Amino acid sequence: MPELPVISAAEAIRAFERLGFSIVRQRGSHIVLRRSSSGCVVPNHRELKTGTLSGILKQAGVSPDEFVKALRD
């Protein structure tokens, strides 16, 4: 399992969009993404800590390997 990088919310959202997620709505600083029946909530911060990012990935049902690969593409 690769170590999760410290990235911004914008970078995370871009990677999720590459994985087939789309933005459904935003309320305040929380952006809701959805892909079929799975979804996740990404806080719109300059820097997402690795623990927060790990929780978002679990919520979305995306493996860390898959996410890191989408970040690099």
PDB file of N, CA and C in Angstrom:
ATOM      1  N   MET A   1       0.837  -1.170   0.000  1.00  0.00           N
ATOM      2  CA  MET A   1       0.000   0.000   0.000  1.00  0.00           C
ATOM      3  C   MET A   1       0.882   1.232   0.000  1.00  0.00           C
ATOM      4  N   PRO A   2       0.675   2.148  -0.963  1.00  0.00           N
ATOM      5  CA  PRO A   2       1.517   3.341  -0.996  1.00  0.00           C
ATOM      6  C   PRO A   2       1.144   4.304   0.131  1.00  0.00           C
ATOM      7  N   GLU A   3       2.088   5.106   0.520  1.00  0.00           N
ATOM      8  CA  GLU A   3       1.834   6.115   1.530  1.00  0.00           C
ATOM      9  C   GLU A   3       1.009   7.220   0.885  1.00  0.00           C
ATOM     10  N   LEU A   4      -0.038   7.644   1.552  1.00  0.00           N
ATOM     11  CA  LEU A   4      -0.895   8.682   0.994  1.00  0.00           C
ATOM     12  C   LEU A   4      -0.192  10.035   1.085  1.00  0.00           C
ATOM     13  N   PRO A   5      -0.235  10.817   0.016  1.00  0.00           N
ATOM     14  CA  PRO A   5       0.410  12.128   0.035  1.00  0.00           C
ATOM     15  C   PRO A   5      -0.467  13.168   0.722  1.00  0.00           C
ATOM     16  N   VAL A   6       0.127  14.262   1.136  1.00  0.00           N
ATOM     17  CA  VAL A   6      -0.621  15.405   1.653  1.00  0.00           C
ATOM     18  C   VAL A   6      -0.929  16.276   0.441  1.00  0.00           C
ATOM     19  N   ILE A   7      -2.219  16.368   0.097  1.00  0.00           N
ATOM     20  CA  ILE A   7      -2.629  17.100  -1.101  1.00  0.00           C
ATOM     21  C   ILE A   7      -3.751  18.066  -0.744  1.00  0.00           C
ATOM     22  N   SER A   8      -4.093  18.934  -1.686  1.00  0.00           N
ATOM     23  CA  SER A   8      -5.199  19.863  -1.475  1.00  0.00           C
ATOM     24  C   SER A   8      -6.511  19.186  -1.851  1.00  0.00           C
ATOM     25  N   ALA A   9      -7.604  19.785  -1.442  1.00  0.00           N
ATOM     26  CA  ALA A   9      -8.922  19.251  -1.782  1.00  0.00           C
ATOM     27  C   ALA A   9      -9.139  19.290  -3.288  1.00  0.00           C
ATOM     28  N   ALA A  10      -8.648  20.325  -3.959  1.00  0.00           N
ATOM     29  CA  ALA A  10      -8.814  20.440  -5.413  1.00  0.00           C
ATOM     30  C   ALA A  10      -8.128  19.279  -6.133  1.00  0.00           C
ATOM     31  N   GLU A  11      -6.934  18.911  -5.671  1.00  0.00           N
ATOM     32  CA  GLU A  11      -6.221  17.779  -6.274  1.00  0.00           C
ATOM     33  C   GLU A  11      -6.973  16.470  -6.023  1.00  0.00           C
ATOM     34  N   ALA A  12      -7.517  16.323  -4.824  1.00  0.00           N
ATOM     35  CA  ALA A  12      -8.272  15.111  -4.492  1.00  0.00           C
ATOM     36  C   ALA A  12      -9.522  15.006  -5.357  1.00  0.00           C
ATOM     37  N   ILE A  13     -10.225  16.102  -5.529  1.00  0.00           N
ATOM     38  CA  ILE A  13     -11.439  16.105  -6.343  1.00  0.00           C
ATOM     39  C   ILE A  13     -11.110  15.777  -7.792  1.00  0.00           C
ATOM     40  N   ARG A  14     -10.017  16.319  -8.302  1.00  0.00           N
ATOM     41  CA  ARG A  14      -9.591  16.015  -9.676  1.00  0.00           C
ATOM     42  C   ARG A  14      -9.333  14.514  -9.838  1.00  0.00           C
ATOM     43  N   ALA A  15      -8.678  13.910  -8.855  1.00  0.00           N
ATOM     44  CA  ALA A  15      -8.399  12.467  -8.907  1.00  0.00           C
ATOM     45  C   ALA A  15      -9.691  11.666  -8.836  1.00  0.00           C
ATOM     46  N   PHE A  16     -10.616  12.079  -7.977  1.00  0.00           N
ATOM     47  CA  PHE A  16     -11.894  11.380  -7.889  1.00  0.00           C
ATOM     48  C   PHE A  16     -12.681  11.496  -9.194  1.00  0.00           C
ATOM     49  N   GLU A  17     -12.602  12.654  -9.843  1.00  0.00           N
ATOM     50  CA  GLU A  17     -13.294  12.816 -11.127  1.00  0.00           C
ATOM     51  C   GLU A  17     -12.699  11.898 -12.185  1.00  0.00           C
ATOM     52  N   ARG A  18     -11.397  11.683 -12.142  1.00  0.00           N
ATOM     53  CA  ARG A  18     -10.754  10.737 -13.063  1.00  0.00           C
ATOM     54  C   ARG A  18     -11.217   9.308 -12.799  1.00  0.00           C
ATOM     55  N   LEU A  19     -11.623   9.028 -11.561  1.00  0.00           N
ATOM     56  CA  LEU A  19     -12.105   7.696 -11.188  1.00  0.00           C
ATOM     57  C   LEU A  19     -13.606   7.536 -11.451  1.00  0.00           C
ATOM     58  N   GLY A  20     -14.243   8.548 -12.019  1.00  0.00           N
ATOM     59  CA  GLY A  20     -15.657   8.433 -12.375  1.00  0.00           C
ATOM     60  C   GLY A  20     -16.622   9.114 -11.425  1.00  0.00           C
ATOM     61  N   PHE A  21     -16.132   9.792 -10.407  1.00  0.00           N
ATOM     62  CA  PHE A  21     -17.003  10.513  -9.486  1.00  0.00           C
ATOM     63  C   PHE A  21     -17.366  11.870 -10.097  1.00  0.00           C
ATOM     64  N   SER A  22     -18.495  12.411  -9.696  1.00  0.00           N
ATOM     65  CA  SER A  22     -18.858  13.760 -10.127  1.00  0.00           C
ATOM     66  C   SER A  22     -19.377  14.531  -8.911  1.00  0.00           C
ATOM     67  N   ILE A  23     -19.244  15.846  -8.979  1.00  0.00           N
ATOM     68  CA  ILE A  23     -19.684  16.700  -7.879  1.00  0.00           C
ATOM     69  C   ILE A  23     -21.206  16.784  -7.919  1.00  0.00           C
ATOM     70  N   VAL A  24     -21.834  16.450  -6.805  1.00  0.00           N
ATOM     71  CA  VAL A  24     -23.293  16.487  -6.703  1.00  0.00           C
ATOM     72  C   VAL A  24     -23.746  17.822  -6.124  1.00  0.00           C
ATOM     73  N   ARG A  25     -23.100  18.229  -5.036  1.00  0.00           N
ATOM     74  CA  ARG A  25     -23.466  19.493  -4.404  1.00  0.00           C
ATOM     75  C   ARG A  25     -22.354  19.950  -3.472  1.00  0.00           C
ATOM     76  N   GLN A  26     -22.489  21.185  -3.009  1.00  0.00           N
ATOM     77  CA  GLN A  26     -21.556  21.731  -2.035  1.00  0.00           C
ATOM     78  C   GLN A  26     -22.349  22.539  -1.030  1.00  0.00           C
ATOM     79  N   ARG A  27     -22.038  22.328   0.228  1.00  0.00           N
ATOM     80  CA  ARG A  27     -22.655  23.121   1.284  1.00  0.00           C
ATOM     81  C   ARG A  27     -21.542  23.625   2.185  1.00  0.00           C
ATOM     82  N   GLY A  28     -21.304  24.893   2.150  1.00  0.00           N
ATOM     83  CA  GLY A  28     -20.200  25.472   2.904  1.00  0.00           C
ATOM     84  C   GLY A  28     -18.879  24.981   2.344  1.00  0.00           C
ATOM     85  N   SER A  29     -18.060  24.388   3.191  1.00  0.00           N
ATOM     86  CA  SER A  29     -16.752  23.920   2.733  1.00  0.00           C
ATOM     87  C   SER A  29     -16.727  22.420   2.475  1.00  0.00           C
ATOM     88  N   HIS A  30     -17.897  21.784   2.369  1.00  0.00           N
ATOM     89  CA  HIS A  30     -17.943  20.342   2.129  1.00  0.00           C
ATOM     90  C   HIS A  30     -18.510  20.049   0.747  1.00  0.00           C
ATOM     91  N   ILE A  31     -17.735  19.343  -0.064  1.00  0.00           N
ATOM     92  CA  ILE A  31     -18.116  19.006  -1.427  1.00  0.00           C
ATOM     93  C   ILE A  31     -18.494  17.529  -1.464  1.00  0.00           C
ATOM     94  N   VAL A  32     -19.691  17.239  -1.968  1.00  0.00           N
ATOM     95  CA  VAL A  32     -20.193  15.871  -2.025  1.00  0.00           C
ATOM     96  C   VAL A  32     -19.980  15.330  -3.433  1.00  0.00           C
ATOM     97  N   LEU A  33     -19.299  14.183  -3.513  1.00  0.00           N
ATOM     98  CA  LEU A  33     -19.034  13.518  -4.781  1.00  0.00           C
ATOM     99  C   LEU A  33     -19.777  12.193  -4.803  1.00  0.00           C
ATOM    100  N   ARG A  34     -20.202  11.753  -5.996  1.00  0.00           N
ATOM    101  CA  ARG A  34     -20.936  10.497  -6.082  1.00  0.00           C
ATOM    102  C   ARG A  34     -20.577   9.760  -7.370  1.00  0.00           C
ATOM    103  N   ARG A  35     -20.499   8.426  -7.241  1.00  0.00           N
ATOM    104  CA  ARG A  35     -20.315   7.523  -8.387  1.00  0.00           C
ATOM    105  C   ARG A  35     -21.267   6.366  -8.161  1.00  0.00           C
ATOM    106  N   SER A  36     -22.288   6.263  -8.976  1.00  0.00           N
ATOM    107  CA  SER A  36     -23.376   5.286  -8.830  1.00  0.00           C
ATOM    108  C   SER A  36     -23.884   5.286  -7.386  1.00  0.00           C
ATOM    109  N   SER A  37     -23.730   4.199  -6.657  1.00  0.00           N
ATOM    110  CA  SER A  37     -24.266   4.148  -5.295  1.00  0.00           C
ATOM    111  C   SER A  37     -23.266   4.586  -4.231  1.00  0.00           C
ATOM    112  N   SER A  38     -21.994   4.719  -4.589  1.00  0.00           N
ATOM    113  CA  SER A  38     -21.000   5.121  -3.590  1.00  0.00           C
ATOM    114  C   SER A  38     -20.721   6.618  -3.707  1.00  0.00           C
ATOM    115  N   GLY A  39     -20.388   7.207  -2.578  1.00  0.00           N
ATOM    116  CA  GLY A  39     -20.105   8.636  -2.568  1.00  0.00           C
ATOM    117  C   GLY A  39     -19.185   8.990  -1.428  1.00  0.00           C
ATOM    118  N   CYS A  40     -18.783  10.246  -1.398  1.00  0.00           N
ATOM    119  CA  CYS A  40     -17.909  10.705  -0.327  1.00  0.00           C
ATOM    120  C   CYS A  40     -18.046  12.217  -0.171  1.00  0.00           C
ATOM    121  N   VAL A  41     -17.582  12.706   0.961  1.00  0.00           N
ATOM    122  CA  VAL A  41     -17.608  14.131   1.257  1.00  0.00           C
ATOM    123  C   VAL A  41     -16.170  14.591   1.440  1.00  0.00           C
ATOM    124  N   VAL A  42     -15.768  15.603   0.658  1.00  0.00           N
ATOM    125  CA  VAL A  42     -14.413  16.127   0.728  1.00  0.00           C
ATOM    126  C   VAL A  42     -14.459  17.541   1.293  1.00  0.00           C
ATOM    127  N   PRO A  43     -13.770  17.802   2.403  1.00  0.00           N
ATOM    128  CA  PRO A  43     -13.719  19.166   2.925  1.00  0.00           C
ATOM    129  C   PRO A  43     -12.821  20.014   2.028  1.00  0.00           C
ATOM    130  N   ASN A  44     -13.267  21.197   1.711  1.00  0.00           N
ATOM    131  CA  ASN A  44     -12.531  22.068   0.795  1.00  0.00           C
ATOM    132  C   ASN A  44     -11.428  22.819   1.551  1.00  0.00           C
ATOM    133  N   HIS A  45     -10.329  22.119   1.819  1.00  0.00           N
ATOM    134  CA  HIS A  45      -9.194  22.694   2.549  1.00  0.00           C
ATOM    135  C   HIS A  45      -7.981  22.778   1.633  1.00  0.00           C
ATOM    136  N   ARG A  46      -7.060  23.627   1.996  1.00  0.00           N
ATOM    137  CA  ARG A  46      -5.814  23.728   1.223  1.00  0.00           C
ATOM    138  C   ARG A  46      -4.985  22.464   1.345  1.00  0.00           C
ATOM    139  N   GLU A  47      -5.082  21.833   2.493  1.00  0.00           N
ATOM    140  CA  GLU A  47      -4.270  20.644   2.760  1.00  0.00           C
ATOM    141  C   GLU A  47      -5.111  19.602   3.481  1.00  0.00           C
ATOM    142  N   LEU A  48      -5.210  18.407   2.884  1.00  0.00           N
ATOM    143  CA  LEU A  48      -5.919  17.298   3.523  1.00  0.00           C
ATOM    144  C   LEU A  48      -4.887  16.413   4.212  1.00  0.00           C
ATOM    145  N   LYS A  49      -5.058  16.191   5.493  1.00  0.00           N
ATOM    146  CA  LYS A  49      -4.138  15.321   6.215  1.00  0.00           C
ATOM    147  C   LYS A  49      -4.351  13.887   5.763  1.00  0.00           C
ATOM    148  N   THR A  50      -3.338  13.056   5.954  1.00  0.00           N
ATOM    149  CA  THR A  50      -3.404  11.682   5.463  1.00  0.00           C
ATOM    150  C   THR A  50      -4.525  10.884   6.128  1.00  0.00           C
ATOM    151  N   GLY A  51      -4.788  11.129   7.400  1.00  0.00           N
ATOM    152  CA  GLY A  51      -5.871  10.428   8.087  1.00  0.00           C
ATOM    153  C   GLY A  51      -7.237  10.804   7.515  1.00  0.00           C
ATOM    154  N   THR A  52      -7.404  12.078   7.211  1.00  0.00           N
ATOM    155  CA  THR A  52      -8.649  12.552   6.609  1.00  0.00           C
ATOM    156  C   THR A  52      -8.820  11.938   5.232  1.00  0.00           C
ATOM    157  N   LEU A  53      -7.755  11.944   4.445  1.00  0.00           N
ATOM    158  CA  LEU A  53      -7.811  11.377   3.101  1.00  0.00           C
ATOM    159  C   LEU A  53      -8.099   9.878   3.153  1.00  0.00           C
ATOM    160  N   SER A  54      -7.522   9.192   4.113  1.00  0.00           N
ATOM    161  CA  SER A  54      -7.773   7.764   4.274  1.00  0.00           C
ATOM    162  C   SER A  54      -9.250   7.503   4.569  1.00  0.00           C
ATOM    163  N   GLY A  55      -9.839   8.312   5.418  1.00  0.00           N
ATOM    164  CA  GLY A  55     -11.264   8.180   5.733  1.00  0.00           C
ATOM    165  C   GLY A  55     -12.146   8.452   4.526  1.00  0.00           C
ATOM    166  N   ILE A  56     -11.774   9.428   3.724  1.00  0.00           N
ATOM    167  CA  ILE A  56     -12.528   9.756   2.506  1.00  0.00           C
ATOM    168  C   ILE A  56     -12.473   8.588   1.530  1.00  0.00           C
ATOM    169  N   LEU A  57     -11.301   7.968   1.395  1.00  0.00           N
ATOM    170  CA  LEU A  57     -11.151   6.834   0.484  1.00  0.00           C
ATOM    171  C   LEU A  57     -12.000   5.647   0.940  1.00  0.00           C
ATOM    172  N   LYS A  58     -12.038   5.385   2.253  1.00  0.00           N
ATOM    173  CA  LYS A  58     -12.873   4.303   2.774  1.00  0.00           C
ATOM    174  C   LYS A  58     -14.346   4.585   2.503  1.00  0.00           C
ATOM    175  N   GLN A  59     -14.737   5.833   2.703  1.00  0.00           N
ATOM    176  CA  GLN A  59     -16.118   6.234   2.471  1.00  0.00           C
ATOM    177  C   GLN A  59     -16.499   6.051   1.000  1.00  0.00           C
ATOM    178  N   ALA A  60     -15.557   6.337   0.097  1.00  0.00           N
ATOM    179  CA  ALA A  60     -15.821   6.248  -1.339  1.00  0.00           C
ATOM    180  C   ALA A  60     -15.671   4.832  -1.875  1.00  0.00           C
ATOM    181  N   GLY A  61     -15.028   3.962  -1.113  1.00  0.00           N
ATOM    182  CA  GLY A  61     -14.801   2.596  -1.589  1.00  0.00           C
ATOM    183  C   GLY A  61     -13.699   2.521  -2.625  1.00  0.00           C
ATOM    184  N   VAL A  62     -12.698   3.376  -2.483  1.00  0.00           N
ATOM    185  CA  VAL A  62     -11.569   3.433  -3.419  1.00  0.00           C
ATOM    186  C   VAL A  62     -10.314   3.000  -2.669  1.00  0.00           C
ATOM    187  N   SER A  63      -9.503   2.148  -3.303  1.00  0.00           N
ATOM    188  CA  SER A  63      -8.264   1.716  -2.657  1.00  0.00           C
ATOM    189  C   SER A  63      -7.201   2.813  -2.768  1.00  0.00           C
ATOM    190  N   PRO A  64      -6.285   2.870  -1.814  1.00  0.00           N
ATOM    191  CA  PRO A  64      -5.215   3.864  -1.884  1.00  0.00           C
ATOM    192  C   PRO A  64      -4.377   3.738  -3.162  1.00  0.00           C
ATOM    193  N   ASP A  65      -4.123   2.489  -3.614  1.00  0.00           N
ATOM    194  CA  ASP A  65      -3.359   2.283  -4.845  1.00  0.00           C
ATOM    195  C   ASP A  65      -4.062   2.930  -6.036  1.00  0.00           C
ATOM    196  N   GLU A  66      -5.354   2.687  -6.124  1.00  0.00           N
ATOM    197  CA  GLU A  66      -6.162   3.218  -7.227  1.00  0.00           C
ATOM    198  C   GLU A  66      -6.159   4.747  -7.197  1.00  0.00           C
ATOM    199  N   PHE A  67      -6.268   5.328  -5.995  1.00  0.00           N
ATOM    200  CA  PHE A  67      -6.311   6.782  -5.849  1.00  0.00           C
ATOM    201  C   PHE A  67      -4.981   7.416  -6.235  1.00  0.00           C
ATOM    202  N   VAL A  68      -3.873   6.843  -5.752  1.00  0.00           N
ATOM    203  CA  VAL A  68      -2.554   7.395  -6.063  1.00  0.00           C
ATOM    204  C   VAL A  68      -2.276   7.321  -7.561  1.00  0.00           C
ATOM    205  N   LYS A  69      -2.722   6.244  -8.212  1.00  0.00           N
ATOM    206  CA  LYS A  69      -2.573   6.108  -9.648  1.00  0.00           C
ATOM    207  C   LYS A  69      -3.357   7.195 -10.388  1.00  0.00           C
ATOM    208  N   ALA A  70      -4.581   7.492  -9.907  1.00  0.00           N
ATOM    209  CA  ALA A  70      -5.403   8.543 -10.517  1.00  0.00           C
ATOM    210  C   ALA A  70      -4.789   9.918 -10.290  1.00  0.00           C
ATOM    211  N   LEU A  71      -4.089  10.098  -9.184  1.00  0.00           N
ATOM    212  CA  LEU A  71      -3.407  11.370  -8.923  1.00  0.00           C
ATOM    213  C   LEU A  71      -2.303  11.624  -9.938  1.00  0.00           C
ATOM    214  N   ARG A  72      -1.591  10.563 -10.299  1.00  0.00           N
ATOM    215  CA  ARG A  72      -0.441  10.686 -11.195  1.00  0.00           C
ATOM    216  C   ARG A  72      -0.838  10.847 -12.649  1.00  0.00           C
ATOM    217  N   ASP A  73      -2.015  10.346 -13.034  1.00  0.00           N
ATOM    218  CA  ASP A  73      -2.461  10.430 -14.441  1.00  0.00           C
ATOM    219  C   ASP A  73      -2.805  11.840 -14.847  1.00  0.00           C
TER     220      ASP A  73
END
